[in-house]
N, C-alpha and C. Protein backbone atom coordinates (compact mmCIF):
# COMPACT_ATOMS: atom_id res chain seq x y z
N MET A 1 -21.65 -3.37 -5.33
CA MET A 1 -21.00 -3.73 -6.57
C MET A 1 -21.16 -2.69 -7.62
N ALA A 2 -21.80 -1.55 -7.36
CA ALA A 2 -21.93 -0.50 -8.35
C ALA A 2 -20.61 0.04 -8.69
N ASN A 3 -19.63 0.08 -7.82
CA ASN A 3 -18.25 0.54 -8.17
C ASN A 3 -17.72 -0.24 -9.36
N LEU A 4 -17.82 -1.58 -9.33
CA LEU A 4 -17.29 -2.38 -10.35
C LEU A 4 -18.02 -2.11 -11.67
N PHE A 5 -19.32 -1.88 -11.68
CA PHE A 5 -20.09 -1.62 -12.86
C PHE A 5 -19.65 -0.31 -13.47
N PHE A 6 -19.51 0.75 -12.65
CA PHE A 6 -19.13 2.08 -13.19
C PHE A 6 -17.69 2.03 -13.63
N THR A 7 -16.77 1.33 -12.89
CA THR A 7 -15.40 1.16 -13.29
C THR A 7 -15.27 0.56 -14.69
N SER A 8 -16.10 -0.47 -14.96
CA SER A 8 -16.05 -1.16 -16.24
C SER A 8 -16.55 -0.20 -17.34
N LEU A 9 -17.55 0.61 -17.04
CA LEU A 9 -18.02 1.65 -18.01
C LEU A 9 -16.90 2.62 -18.39
N VAL A 10 -16.19 3.12 -17.36
CA VAL A 10 -15.12 4.06 -17.65
C VAL A 10 -13.99 3.43 -18.31
N GLN A 11 -13.64 2.21 -17.97
CA GLN A 11 -12.50 1.57 -18.56
C GLN A 11 -12.80 1.12 -20.01
N LYS A 12 -14.01 1.02 -20.36
CA LYS A 12 -14.36 0.69 -21.79
C LYS A 12 -14.06 1.91 -22.63
N GLU A 13 -14.05 3.07 -22.09
CA GLU A 13 -13.74 4.37 -22.80
C GLU A 13 -12.23 4.59 -22.83
N GLY A 14 -11.38 3.78 -22.23
CA GLY A 14 -9.95 3.87 -22.29
C GLY A 14 -9.37 4.69 -21.09
N ILE A 15 -10.13 4.87 -20.10
CA ILE A 15 -9.70 5.51 -18.88
C ILE A 15 -9.37 4.48 -17.82
N ASN A 16 -8.15 4.48 -17.31
CA ASN A 16 -7.71 3.43 -16.45
C ASN A 16 -7.96 3.68 -14.95
N CYS A 17 -9.07 4.22 -14.62
CA CYS A 17 -9.35 4.55 -13.24
C CYS A 17 -10.24 3.42 -12.58
N ALA A 18 -9.99 3.21 -11.33
CA ALA A 18 -10.83 2.26 -10.50
C ALA A 18 -11.64 3.22 -9.58
N LEU A 19 -12.96 3.17 -9.68
CA LEU A 19 -13.81 4.16 -8.98
C LEU A 19 -14.34 3.70 -7.62
N LYS A 20 -14.45 4.64 -6.77
CA LYS A 20 -15.00 4.49 -5.43
C LYS A 20 -16.06 5.51 -5.24
N CYS A 21 -17.20 5.14 -4.55
CA CYS A 21 -18.37 6.04 -4.43
C CYS A 21 -18.08 7.06 -3.34
N ASN A 22 -18.43 8.37 -3.68
CA ASN A 22 -18.39 9.43 -2.73
C ASN A 22 -19.76 9.66 -2.22
N PHE A 23 -20.74 9.77 -3.03
CA PHE A 23 -22.10 9.80 -2.65
C PHE A 23 -22.99 9.44 -3.76
N ASN A 24 -24.26 9.13 -3.52
CA ASN A 24 -25.32 8.86 -4.50
C ASN A 24 -26.63 9.03 -3.88
N TRP A 25 -27.61 9.46 -4.60
CA TRP A 25 -28.93 9.70 -4.07
C TRP A 25 -29.96 9.44 -5.17
N PHE A 26 -31.19 9.13 -4.73
CA PHE A 26 -32.31 8.99 -5.69
C PHE A 26 -33.29 10.17 -5.41
N LYS A 27 -34.01 10.55 -6.46
CA LYS A 27 -34.99 11.62 -6.27
C LYS A 27 -36.18 11.00 -5.61
N LYS A 28 -36.73 11.76 -4.66
CA LYS A 28 -37.90 11.26 -3.98
C LYS A 28 -39.07 11.10 -4.86
N THR A 29 -39.96 10.18 -4.52
CA THR A 29 -41.13 9.87 -5.38
C THR A 29 -42.00 11.07 -5.69
N PHE A 30 -42.34 11.88 -4.68
CA PHE A 30 -43.26 13.06 -4.82
C PHE A 30 -42.47 14.30 -4.75
N SER A 31 -41.22 14.32 -5.34
CA SER A 31 -40.43 15.53 -5.38
C SER A 31 -41.04 16.61 -6.33
N ARG A 32 -41.00 17.88 -5.94
CA ARG A 32 -41.46 18.91 -6.74
C ARG A 32 -40.39 19.43 -7.75
N LYS A 33 -39.14 18.87 -7.55
CA LYS A 33 -38.12 19.26 -8.43
C LYS A 33 -38.23 18.51 -9.76
N ARG A 34 -38.72 19.19 -10.77
CA ARG A 34 -39.05 18.55 -12.05
C ARG A 34 -37.78 18.25 -12.88
N SER A 35 -36.78 19.12 -12.78
CA SER A 35 -35.59 18.98 -13.62
C SER A 35 -34.51 18.18 -12.91
N ALA A 36 -34.72 17.71 -11.71
CA ALA A 36 -33.67 16.91 -11.03
C ALA A 36 -33.57 15.51 -11.66
N PRO A 37 -32.32 14.93 -11.71
CA PRO A 37 -32.18 13.61 -12.28
C PRO A 37 -32.89 12.57 -11.32
N LEU A 38 -33.26 11.41 -11.87
CA LEU A 38 -33.80 10.39 -11.15
C LEU A 38 -32.82 9.80 -10.13
N TRP A 39 -31.50 9.67 -10.59
CA TRP A 39 -30.41 9.20 -9.68
C TRP A 39 -29.20 9.95 -10.03
N LYS A 40 -28.39 10.28 -8.99
CA LYS A 40 -27.12 10.98 -9.22
C LYS A 40 -26.07 10.45 -8.27
N GLY A 41 -24.85 10.25 -8.77
CA GLY A 41 -23.78 9.69 -7.92
C GLY A 41 -22.45 10.33 -8.36
N LEU A 42 -21.62 10.56 -7.34
CA LEU A 42 -20.21 11.09 -7.58
C LEU A 42 -19.31 10.02 -7.18
N TYR A 43 -18.43 9.58 -8.12
CA TYR A 43 -17.38 8.64 -7.87
C TYR A 43 -16.05 9.26 -8.16
N PHE A 44 -15.01 8.75 -7.45
CA PHE A 44 -13.64 9.24 -7.61
C PHE A 44 -12.65 8.05 -7.91
N CYS A 45 -11.60 8.32 -8.51
CA CYS A 45 -10.54 7.31 -8.78
C CYS A 45 -9.75 7.12 -7.51
N LYS A 46 -9.43 5.83 -7.18
CA LYS A 46 -8.62 5.53 -6.03
C LYS A 46 -7.21 5.93 -6.24
N GLU A 47 -6.75 6.05 -7.43
CA GLU A 47 -5.37 6.34 -7.76
C GLU A 47 -5.05 7.84 -7.87
N CYS A 48 -5.92 8.49 -8.71
CA CYS A 48 -5.54 9.88 -9.03
C CYS A 48 -6.53 10.97 -8.52
N ASN A 49 -7.66 10.46 -7.91
CA ASN A 49 -8.66 11.32 -7.30
C ASN A 49 -9.51 12.17 -8.35
N ASN A 50 -9.49 11.75 -9.63
CA ASN A 50 -10.37 12.39 -10.61
C ASN A 50 -11.76 12.02 -10.27
N GLU A 51 -12.65 12.91 -10.55
CA GLU A 51 -14.13 12.71 -10.16
C GLU A 51 -14.90 12.43 -11.47
N PHE A 52 -15.88 11.55 -11.24
CA PHE A 52 -16.87 11.19 -12.32
C PHE A 52 -18.22 11.37 -11.73
N LEU A 53 -19.08 12.17 -12.40
CA LEU A 53 -20.47 12.39 -11.96
C LEU A 53 -21.35 11.59 -12.89
N PHE A 54 -22.07 10.61 -12.34
CA PHE A 54 -23.04 9.83 -13.03
C PHE A 54 -24.48 10.29 -12.68
N SER A 55 -25.36 10.36 -13.71
CA SER A 55 -26.74 10.64 -13.42
C SER A 55 -27.60 9.90 -14.37
N VAL A 56 -28.78 9.58 -13.91
CA VAL A 56 -29.78 8.90 -14.70
C VAL A 56 -30.98 9.77 -14.84
N ASP A 57 -31.34 10.16 -15.99
CA ASP A 57 -32.45 10.97 -16.30
C ASP A 57 -33.58 10.15 -16.87
N ALA A 58 -34.82 10.53 -16.52
CA ALA A 58 -35.97 9.82 -17.11
C ALA A 58 -36.89 10.75 -17.71
N ASP A 59 -37.06 10.72 -19.03
CA ASP A 59 -37.97 11.61 -19.72
C ASP A 59 -39.40 11.11 -19.53
N ASP A 60 -39.55 9.82 -19.85
CA ASP A 60 -40.77 9.16 -19.53
C ASP A 60 -40.51 8.10 -18.49
N LYS A 61 -41.45 7.36 -18.11
CA LYS A 61 -41.20 6.33 -17.16
C LYS A 61 -40.52 5.14 -17.81
N SER A 62 -40.50 5.07 -19.17
CA SER A 62 -39.91 3.94 -19.87
C SER A 62 -38.53 4.24 -20.38
N ASP A 63 -38.15 5.53 -20.56
CA ASP A 63 -36.79 5.81 -21.17
C ASP A 63 -35.92 6.35 -20.11
N PHE A 64 -34.73 5.70 -19.96
CA PHE A 64 -33.76 6.07 -19.04
C PHE A 64 -32.44 6.42 -19.77
N MET A 65 -31.72 7.45 -19.38
CA MET A 65 -30.42 7.76 -20.01
C MET A 65 -29.42 8.02 -18.93
N LEU A 66 -28.30 7.33 -19.14
CA LEU A 66 -27.15 7.45 -18.16
C LEU A 66 -26.16 8.48 -18.73
N THR A 67 -25.88 9.53 -17.99
CA THR A 67 -24.92 10.57 -18.37
C THR A 67 -23.73 10.55 -17.48
N ILE A 68 -22.50 10.56 -18.09
CA ILE A 68 -21.26 10.55 -17.38
C ILE A 68 -20.58 11.87 -17.63
N SER A 69 -20.23 12.61 -16.53
CA SER A 69 -19.49 13.80 -16.67
C SER A 69 -18.12 13.59 -15.94
N TYR A 70 -17.06 14.12 -16.59
CA TYR A 70 -15.76 13.91 -16.00
C TYR A 70 -15.31 15.24 -15.40
N ILE A 71 -14.85 15.23 -14.16
CA ILE A 71 -14.31 16.46 -13.46
C ILE A 71 -12.75 16.22 -13.41
N PRO A 72 -12.02 16.91 -14.19
CA PRO A 72 -10.55 16.65 -14.24
C PRO A 72 -9.84 16.98 -12.97
N GLY A 73 -8.83 16.04 -12.76
CA GLY A 73 -8.02 16.21 -11.52
C GLY A 73 -6.56 16.32 -11.91
N LYS A 74 -5.75 15.59 -11.08
CA LYS A 74 -4.27 15.70 -11.24
C LYS A 74 -3.79 14.94 -12.47
N ASN A 75 -3.75 13.61 -12.38
CA ASN A 75 -3.06 12.73 -13.34
C ASN A 75 -4.09 11.69 -13.83
N MET A 76 -4.43 11.83 -15.13
CA MET A 76 -5.42 10.75 -15.63
C MET A 76 -4.67 9.65 -16.40
N HIS A 77 -3.36 9.82 -16.63
CA HIS A 77 -2.60 8.87 -17.43
C HIS A 77 -1.82 7.93 -16.50
N HIS A 78 -2.44 7.15 -15.69
CA HIS A 78 -1.78 6.19 -14.86
C HIS A 78 -2.13 4.80 -15.41
N ASP A 79 -1.42 3.82 -14.89
CA ASP A 79 -1.66 2.41 -15.29
C ASP A 79 -3.00 1.94 -14.83
N LEU A 80 -3.41 0.84 -15.37
CA LEU A 80 -4.66 0.23 -14.98
C LEU A 80 -4.67 -0.08 -13.48
N VAL A 81 -5.64 0.32 -12.84
CA VAL A 81 -5.77 0.05 -11.36
C VAL A 81 -6.66 -1.17 -11.18
N SER A 82 -6.12 -2.26 -10.56
CA SER A 82 -7.01 -3.40 -10.31
C SER A 82 -7.78 -3.25 -9.04
N SER A 83 -8.93 -3.71 -9.07
CA SER A 83 -9.79 -3.64 -7.82
C SER A 83 -9.47 -4.81 -6.90
N SER A 84 -9.50 -4.59 -5.68
CA SER A 84 -9.23 -5.65 -4.70
C SER A 84 -10.33 -6.71 -4.61
N LYS A 85 -9.98 -7.85 -4.19
CA LYS A 85 -10.94 -8.93 -4.05
C LYS A 85 -11.81 -8.77 -2.79
N ARG A 86 -13.07 -8.91 -2.97
CA ARG A 86 -13.98 -8.85 -1.82
C ARG A 86 -14.20 -10.21 -1.22
N PHE A 87 -14.10 -10.37 0.07
CA PHE A 87 -14.38 -11.62 0.67
C PHE A 87 -15.72 -11.54 1.39
N THR A 88 -16.51 -12.65 1.16
CA THR A 88 -17.85 -12.68 1.82
C THR A 88 -18.09 -14.06 2.35
N GLY A 89 -19.07 -14.22 3.21
CA GLY A 89 -19.46 -15.50 3.73
C GLY A 89 -18.40 -16.18 4.58
N LYS A 90 -18.28 -17.58 4.32
CA LYS A 90 -17.34 -18.38 5.08
C LYS A 90 -15.87 -17.95 4.89
N GLU A 91 -15.53 -17.49 3.73
CA GLU A 91 -14.16 -17.09 3.52
C GLU A 91 -13.80 -15.87 4.32
N ARG A 92 -14.73 -14.89 4.44
CA ARG A 92 -14.48 -13.76 5.25
C ARG A 92 -14.42 -14.06 6.76
N ALA A 93 -15.28 -15.03 7.18
CA ALA A 93 -15.23 -15.50 8.65
C ALA A 93 -13.99 -16.17 8.92
N ALA A 94 -13.42 -16.99 7.98
CA ALA A 94 -12.19 -17.67 8.16
C ALA A 94 -11.02 -16.64 8.31
N ILE A 95 -11.01 -15.65 7.45
CA ILE A 95 -9.92 -14.66 7.51
C ILE A 95 -10.04 -13.87 8.82
N ALA A 96 -11.26 -13.55 9.30
CA ALA A 96 -11.41 -12.79 10.51
C ALA A 96 -10.91 -13.64 11.71
N LEU A 97 -11.18 -14.90 11.74
CA LEU A 97 -10.61 -15.81 12.80
C LEU A 97 -9.15 -15.84 12.72
N GLU A 98 -8.52 -15.84 11.55
CA GLU A 98 -7.05 -15.93 11.42
C GLU A 98 -6.45 -14.62 11.95
N VAL A 99 -7.10 -13.54 11.60
CA VAL A 99 -6.54 -12.17 12.10
C VAL A 99 -6.69 -12.13 13.58
N MET A 100 -7.77 -12.58 14.19
CA MET A 100 -7.89 -12.56 15.60
C MET A 100 -6.93 -13.45 16.33
N ALA A 101 -6.56 -14.56 15.69
CA ALA A 101 -5.65 -15.51 16.27
C ALA A 101 -4.18 -15.05 16.17
N TYR A 102 -3.77 -14.56 15.01
CA TYR A 102 -2.38 -14.26 14.80
C TYR A 102 -2.03 -12.81 14.74
N GLY A 103 -3.00 -11.91 14.54
CA GLY A 103 -2.79 -10.48 14.42
C GLY A 103 -2.69 -10.05 13.00
N THR A 104 -2.99 -8.71 12.75
CA THR A 104 -3.07 -8.22 11.42
C THR A 104 -1.75 -8.25 10.72
N SER A 105 -0.67 -7.86 11.42
CA SER A 105 0.62 -7.81 10.81
C SER A 105 1.08 -9.16 10.18
N LYS A 106 0.99 -10.18 11.07
CA LYS A 106 1.42 -11.51 10.67
C LYS A 106 0.58 -12.02 9.50
N VAL A 107 -0.69 -11.81 9.52
CA VAL A 107 -1.59 -12.24 8.42
C VAL A 107 -1.26 -11.47 7.16
N HIS A 108 -1.06 -10.15 7.28
CA HIS A 108 -0.72 -9.37 6.08
C HIS A 108 0.59 -9.79 5.48
N ASN A 109 1.62 -10.00 6.38
CA ASN A 109 2.91 -10.40 5.82
C ASN A 109 2.84 -11.82 5.15
N LYS A 110 2.06 -12.71 5.78
CA LYS A 110 1.87 -14.05 5.14
C LYS A 110 1.18 -13.94 3.80
N ASN A 111 0.22 -13.06 3.66
CA ASN A 111 -0.44 -12.93 2.36
C ASN A 111 0.53 -12.30 1.35
N ILE A 112 1.34 -11.37 1.72
CA ILE A 112 2.30 -10.78 0.77
C ILE A 112 3.32 -11.88 0.32
N LEU A 113 3.83 -12.72 1.23
CA LEU A 113 4.73 -13.78 0.90
C LEU A 113 4.02 -14.82 0.03
N PHE A 114 2.79 -15.17 0.26
CA PHE A 114 2.06 -16.13 -0.44
C PHE A 114 1.85 -15.59 -1.85
N ASN A 115 1.44 -14.35 -1.97
CA ASN A 115 1.22 -13.76 -3.29
C ASN A 115 2.52 -13.67 -4.15
N ASN A 116 3.57 -13.39 -3.52
CA ASN A 116 4.82 -13.30 -4.27
C ASN A 116 5.32 -14.66 -4.70
N GLU A 117 5.13 -15.72 -3.87
CA GLU A 117 5.49 -17.03 -4.15
C GLU A 117 4.62 -17.55 -5.38
N CYS A 118 3.41 -17.16 -5.39
CA CYS A 118 2.41 -17.55 -6.43
C CYS A 118 2.80 -16.94 -7.73
N ASP A 119 3.25 -15.64 -7.68
CA ASP A 119 3.60 -14.90 -8.97
C ASP A 119 4.91 -15.37 -9.56
N ASP A 120 5.87 -15.77 -8.79
CA ASP A 120 7.17 -16.09 -9.25
C ASP A 120 7.14 -17.29 -10.27
N PRO A 121 6.47 -18.37 -9.99
CA PRO A 121 6.48 -19.48 -10.97
C PRO A 121 5.84 -19.10 -12.24
N GLN A 122 4.84 -18.22 -12.26
CA GLN A 122 4.21 -17.79 -13.49
C GLN A 122 5.16 -16.99 -14.30
N GLU A 123 5.92 -16.11 -13.63
CA GLU A 123 6.86 -15.20 -14.39
C GLU A 123 8.01 -16.01 -14.93
N SER A 124 8.46 -17.09 -14.23
CA SER A 124 9.60 -17.86 -14.74
C SER A 124 9.19 -18.73 -15.89
N ASN A 125 7.95 -19.13 -16.00
CA ASN A 125 7.43 -19.97 -17.10
C ASN A 125 7.27 -19.21 -18.46
N THR A 126 7.17 -17.87 -18.28
CA THR A 126 6.94 -17.14 -19.53
C THR A 126 8.29 -16.99 -20.28
N PRO A 127 8.26 -17.15 -21.61
CA PRO A 127 9.53 -17.05 -22.40
C PRO A 127 10.08 -15.68 -22.45
């Protein structure tokens, strides 16, 4: 769920990117690298492939500072990208059984039709 946390941080700054993790790592406990950050992660936008470098530095054991660096890419001025819903537990097992029974194409098409039917009444009710 770190993707959602970092996406919300970036979107608070007015950037409409939805982030996905490329890599992240923690500094080892007994590392000799004194200037290395405590944590570092590279995230990229699902839409425009812009990269964001996050790092957590610790001066003392009590003070932590999150740093965000932006690595420019192609197009940063896209619409807000919504993140997809994650299914877990019983809901995920039910969807897996449905996919095994009917196949991926049929389930995908049914979901598209269902979502379009749910969206139409909301749009027709708006003035």
